[in-house]
Amino acid sequence: MVSEKVKKFDALKEFCSSLLRHHRKFIKAIWLLRAEEAMKSKDFTLIVLLDDFKSDYIVKKKIELVAAETEKKLAEKYNFKIHVGFSMLSDYFEAIMLNKIDVFSEINASEALFDPTGFFLPLQELVRRGKIHGTKENLLHLILNVKERIKRVSDFKIEILSSLYAAIIDAGQAPLIAGNFSIPLQKEVAIELERNFARRKMLDRRFIEIYNELVHYYKDYEYGKIKEINGELLDLFLKKARLFIERMEELTIEARKLTK
């Protein structure tokens, strides 16, 4: 037993064949309007796009007559009602150029049955990719792009914070190594800078405070105590890290003198 879906496809195929038999060169495309809904119903609406650069009024009337006769024939044969709408290619181009959203919404919800020159499918693909301004697909595309840009900014801030953290640890260890002191673990760098340089009045304690402040902030983010990196605070850390690294470079030279 032939399924309802197969019967519907047969009806659509017969309609297109009947219309195209003698008028193919005048028809730019044929599509099934609201295809998903149509396949669940006994009523179909087809749009026939006529190339009015090749046809005239008489040709249009002949095609409309064939369509009407075919509608009636198929309704009796399959018990499906086919409604046909006609559009002119020039009018359709104008609607597209004017970015009429209803036209693009129609395209997106339809299914091409005849499209030999590739008129319909590229437009449908543009809609689905969110390239047509004002469509819901376009708005969704914009929202997703905003989310992606925000994620990139967030990733960039994480990368900066991680780089600052690694840089001040390396910079803090450098004068300790130059002074032949034991190489400390990351968490002990501030303690060793205090013991070996601040107590000797070779290092202002504010640089140790800078180190601790940045390390603590990084650790708080790493352990989830901070959910979002503050951009203004990150700028401040960048400035402080530069001061810290510059001072460590100077201190490394001074530390070498201690070993001589």
Protein backbone atom coordinates (compact mmCIF):
# COMPACT_ATOMS: atom_id res chain seq x y z
CA MET A 1 0.00 0.00 0.00
CA VAL A 2 1.38 3.39 -1.03
CA SER A 3 1.94 5.75 1.90
CA GLU A 4 0.44 9.23 2.14
CA LYS A 5 3.90 10.78 1.91
CA VAL A 6 4.68 8.98 -1.35
CA LYS A 7 1.32 10.06 -2.78
CA LYS A 8 2.10 13.67 -1.91
CA PHE A 9 5.48 13.49 -3.62
CA ASP A 10 3.86 11.88 -6.67
CA ALA A 11 1.24 14.65 -6.80
CA LEU A 12 3.90 17.36 -6.61
CA LYS A 13 6.01 15.61 -9.25
CA GLU A 14 3.05 15.32 -11.62
CA PHE A 15 2.14 18.95 -11.13
CA CYS A 16 5.66 20.15 -11.92
CA SER A 17 5.94 17.83 -14.93
CA SER A 18 2.63 19.08 -16.34
CA LEU A 19 3.63 22.71 -15.92
CA LEU A 20 7.14 22.28 -17.28
CA ARG A 21 6.21 20.10 -20.25
CA HIS A 22 5.70 23.02 -22.63
CA HIS A 23 6.69 26.03 -20.54
CA ARG A 24 10.01 25.11 -18.92
CA LYS A 25 11.93 28.01 -20.47
CA PHE A 26 9.54 30.55 -18.92
CA ILE A 27 9.67 29.14 -15.38
CA LYS A 28 12.59 30.18 -13.18
CA ALA A 29 11.75 28.07 -10.13
CA ILE A 30 8.96 26.23 -8.31
CA TRP A 31 8.86 25.70 -4.57
CA LEU A 32 6.60 24.19 -1.96
CA LEU A 33 5.55 26.86 0.51
CA ARG A 34 5.94 26.03 4.22
CA ALA A 35 7.09 22.55 3.26
CA GLU A 36 7.15 20.99 6.73
CA GLU A 37 3.54 21.99 7.44
CA ALA A 38 2.43 21.09 3.92
CA MET A 39 3.62 17.51 4.20
CA LYS A 40 1.32 17.05 7.21
CA SER A 41 -1.71 18.51 5.43
CA LYS A 42 -3.91 17.70 2.45
CA ASP A 43 -3.49 21.27 1.15
CA PHE A 44 -0.33 22.36 -0.68
CA THR A 45 0.67 25.83 -1.77
CA LEU A 46 3.19 26.06 -4.60
CA ILE A 47 4.91 29.21 -5.79
CA VAL A 48 5.77 29.39 -9.48
CA LEU A 49 8.35 32.01 -10.31
CA LEU A 50 7.89 33.20 -13.89
CA ASP A 51 10.71 34.79 -15.85
CA ASP A 52 8.93 37.90 -17.11
CA PHE A 53 12.04 38.87 -19.08
CA LYS A 54 11.28 35.92 -21.39
CA SER A 55 7.48 35.66 -21.12
CA ASP A 56 4.57 38.02 -21.74
CA TYR A 57 0.95 38.34 -20.61
CA ILE A 58 -0.31 35.66 -23.01
CA VAL A 59 2.33 33.12 -21.90
CA LYS A 60 1.49 33.85 -18.26
CA LYS A 61 -2.21 33.17 -18.88
CA LYS A 62 -1.43 29.90 -20.66
CA ILE A 63 0.70 28.72 -17.73
CA GLU A 64 -2.01 29.75 -15.26
CA LEU A 65 -4.59 27.75 -17.26
CA VAL A 66 -2.39 24.63 -17.27
CA ALA A 67 -1.86 25.06 -13.52
CA ALA A 68 -5.63 25.33 -12.87
CA GLU A 69 -6.41 22.25 -14.96
CA THR A 70 -3.64 20.26 -13.27
CA GLU A 71 -4.84 21.32 -9.82
CA LYS A 72 -8.29 19.96 -10.55
CA LYS A 73 -6.98 16.73 -12.03
CA LEU A 74 -4.66 15.99 -9.11
CA ALA A 75 -7.32 16.84 -6.54
CA GLU A 76 -9.54 14.14 -8.03
CA LYS A 77 -6.67 11.63 -8.37
CA TYR A 78 -4.97 12.03 -5.02
CA ASN A 79 -7.55 13.84 -2.90
CA PHE A 80 -4.99 16.59 -2.23
CA LYS A 81 -5.73 20.24 -2.84
CA ILE A 82 -2.90 22.14 -4.57
CA HIS A 83 -3.01 25.94 -4.52
CA VAL A 84 -0.71 27.78 -6.91
CA GLY A 85 0.63 31.32 -6.58
CA PHE A 86 2.58 33.09 -9.29
CA SER A 87 5.40 35.60 -8.83
CA MET A 88 7.32 37.56 -11.42
CA LEU A 89 11.11 37.36 -11.42
CA SER A 90 11.50 41.16 -11.62
CA ASP A 91 9.16 41.68 -8.65
CA TYR A 92 10.99 39.02 -6.65
CA PHE A 93 14.36 40.61 -7.35
CA GLU A 94 12.99 43.95 -6.19
CA ALA A 95 11.70 42.40 -2.95
CA ILE A 96 15.11 40.81 -2.36
CA MET A 97 16.94 44.07 -3.02
CA LEU A 98 14.61 45.85 -0.58
CA ASN A 99 15.42 43.16 2.01
CA LYS A 100 11.76 42.31 2.59
CA ILE A 101 11.88 39.95 5.55
CA ASP A 102 8.64 38.14 4.70
CA VAL A 103 10.14 37.06 1.38
CA PHE A 104 13.20 35.58 3.07
CA SER A 105 11.07 33.94 5.77
CA GLU A 106 9.05 32.31 2.99
CA ILE A 107 12.20 31.09 1.27
CA ASN A 108 13.57 29.58 4.46
CA ALA A 109 10.36 27.67 5.19
CA SER A 110 9.98 26.35 1.64
CA GLU A 111 11.38 23.45 -0.38
CA ALA A 112 12.60 23.82 -3.97
CA LEU A 113 10.90 21.48 -6.45
CA PHE A 114 12.38 23.00 -9.59
CA ASP A 115 15.43 25.25 -9.57
CA PRO A 116 17.58 24.56 -12.66
CA THR A 117 19.54 27.83 -12.58
CA GLY A 118 20.23 27.81 -8.84
CA PHE A 119 18.05 30.81 -8.03
CA PHE A 120 16.22 29.55 -4.94
CA LEU A 121 18.73 27.37 -3.08
CA PRO A 122 21.52 29.99 -2.71
CA LEU A 123 19.02 32.45 -1.23
CA GLN A 124 17.80 29.82 1.20
CA GLU A 125 21.40 29.04 2.22
CA LEU A 126 22.09 32.75 2.86
CA VAL A 127 19.06 32.94 5.14
CA ARG A 128 20.06 29.82 7.08
CA ARG A 129 23.60 31.11 7.53
CA GLY A 130 22.22 34.31 9.07
CA LYS A 131 23.47 36.52 6.24
CA ILE A 132 20.17 38.31 5.60
CA HIS A 133 19.80 41.34 7.86
CA GLY A 134 16.69 41.36 10.01
CA THR A 135 15.79 37.67 9.82
CA LYS A 136 15.60 35.62 13.00
CA GLU A 137 18.52 33.56 11.70
CA ASN A 138 20.54 36.76 11.33
CA LEU A 139 19.65 37.88 14.86
CA LEU A 140 20.61 34.48 16.24
CA HIS A 141 23.88 34.65 14.28
CA LEU A 142 24.62 38.08 15.76
CA ILE A 143 23.88 36.85 19.29
CA LEU A 144 26.16 33.85 18.82
CA ASN A 145 28.88 36.13 17.44
CA VAL A 146 28.59 38.42 20.46
CA LYS A 147 28.88 35.41 22.77
CA GLU A 148 31.92 34.21 20.86
CA ARG A 149 33.56 37.65 21.02
CA ILE A 150 32.88 37.85 24.76
CA LYS A 151 34.41 34.40 25.19
CA ARG A 152 37.49 35.50 23.21
CA VAL A 153 37.85 38.57 25.45
CA SER A 154 37.51 36.37 28.54
CA ASP A 155 40.09 33.92 27.18
CA PHE A 156 42.41 36.82 26.38
CA LYS A 157 42.15 38.14 29.95
CA ILE A 158 42.92 34.68 31.34
CA GLU A 159 45.96 34.46 29.06
CA ILE A 160 47.22 37.88 30.21
CA LEU A 161 46.75 37.02 33.90
CA SER A 162 48.53 33.68 33.44
CA SER A 163 51.42 35.39 31.62
CA LEU A 164 51.77 38.03 34.35
CA TYR A 165 51.75 35.30 37.01
CA ALA A 166 54.49 33.33 35.26
CA ALA A 167 56.52 36.48 34.53
CA ILE A 168 56.68 37.75 38.11
CA ILE A 169 57.59 34.31 39.44
CA ASP A 170 60.49 34.06 36.97
CA ALA A 171 61.50 37.65 37.69
CA GLY A 172 61.31 37.08 41.47
CA GLN A 173 63.51 33.99 41.28
CA ALA A 174 66.16 35.68 39.11
CA PRO A 175 67.92 37.79 41.82
CA LEU A 176 67.79 34.86 44.26
CA ILE A 177 69.55 32.66 41.72
CA ALA A 178 72.04 35.45 40.91
CA GLY A 179 72.83 35.83 44.62
CA ASN A 180 73.46 32.09 44.99
CA PHE A 181 70.52 31.72 47.37
CA SER A 182 68.46 28.55 47.27
CA ILE A 183 65.95 28.50 44.41
CA PRO A 184 62.57 28.82 46.09
CA LEU A 185 59.26 27.25 45.20
CA GLN A 186 56.75 29.61 43.66
CA LYS A 187 54.90 30.08 46.96
CA GLU A 188 58.17 30.89 48.77
CA VAL A 189 59.55 33.54 46.39
CA ALA A 190 58.09 36.44 48.41
CA ILE A 191 59.46 34.98 51.67
CA GLU A 192 62.95 34.60 50.20
CA LEU A 193 62.93 38.10 48.69
CA GLU A 194 61.99 39.43 52.12
CA ARG A 195 64.67 37.40 53.92
CA ASN A 196 67.56 37.97 51.52
CA PHE A 197 66.95 41.47 50.15
CA ALA A 198 64.28 43.46 52.01
CA ARG A 199 65.95 42.87 55.38
CA ARG A 200 69.23 44.09 53.91
CA LYS A 201 67.50 47.24 52.71
CA MET A 202 68.21 46.25 49.11
CA LEU A 203 64.52 45.92 48.21
CA ASP A 204 61.52 48.05 49.08
CA ARG A 205 58.78 45.91 50.59
CA ARG A 206 56.20 47.37 48.20
CA PHE A 207 57.61 45.10 45.48
CA ILE A 208 56.94 42.09 47.68
CA GLU A 209 53.42 43.39 48.18
CA ILE A 210 53.01 43.64 44.40
CA TYR A 211 54.16 40.05 44.04
CA ASN A 212 51.79 38.78 46.73
CA GLU A 213 48.85 40.77 45.41
CA LEU A 214 49.16 39.39 41.89
CA VAL A 215 49.87 35.81 43.00
CA HIS A 216 46.89 35.82 45.40
CA TYR A 217 44.57 37.17 42.72
CA TYR A 218 45.71 34.52 40.25
CA LYS A 219 45.25 31.75 42.82
CA ASP A 220 41.79 33.02 43.74
CA TYR A 221 40.81 32.82 40.07
CA GLU A 222 42.46 29.41 39.66
CA TYR A 223 40.51 27.99 42.61
CA GLY A 224 37.21 29.52 41.48
CA LYS A 225 36.91 32.17 44.20
CA ILE A 226 36.85 34.79 41.41
CA LYS A 227 34.49 33.98 38.53
CA GLU A 228 35.32 36.85 36.19
CA ILE A 229 38.63 38.69 35.74
CA ASN A 230 38.26 42.42 36.27
CA GLY A 231 39.61 44.28 33.23
CA GLU A 232 40.50 47.48 35.10
CA LEU A 233 42.28 45.50 37.80
CA LEU A 234 44.13 43.56 35.10
CA ASP A 235 45.40 46.84 33.62
CA LEU A 236 46.62 47.87 37.07
CA PHE A 237 48.34 44.50 37.56
CA LEU A 238 50.06 44.93 34.19
CA LYS A 239 51.53 48.27 35.29
CA LYS A 240 52.58 46.87 38.66
CA ALA A 241 54.11 43.78 37.07
CA ARG A 242 56.23 45.98 34.78
CA LEU A 243 57.54 47.89 37.82
CA PHE A 244 58.24 44.61 39.63
CA ILE A 245 60.09 43.06 36.68
CA GLU A 246 62.17 46.21 36.09
CA ARG A 247 63.17 46.25 39.76
CA MET A 248 64.03 42.54 39.71
CA GLU A 249 66.32 43.14 36.70
CA GLU A 250 68.17 45.81 38.69
CA LEU A 251 68.21 43.62 41.80
CA THR A 252 69.65 40.71 39.84
CA ILE A 253 72.66 42.85 38.90
CA GLU A 254 73.03 43.96 42.53
CA ALA A 255 72.74 40.35 43.75
CA ARG A 256 75.60 39.25 41.51
CA LYS A 257 77.83 41.75 43.28
CA LEU A 258 77.08 40.01 46.58
CA THR A 259 78.74 36.82 45.30
CA LYS A 260 81.94 38.56 44.33
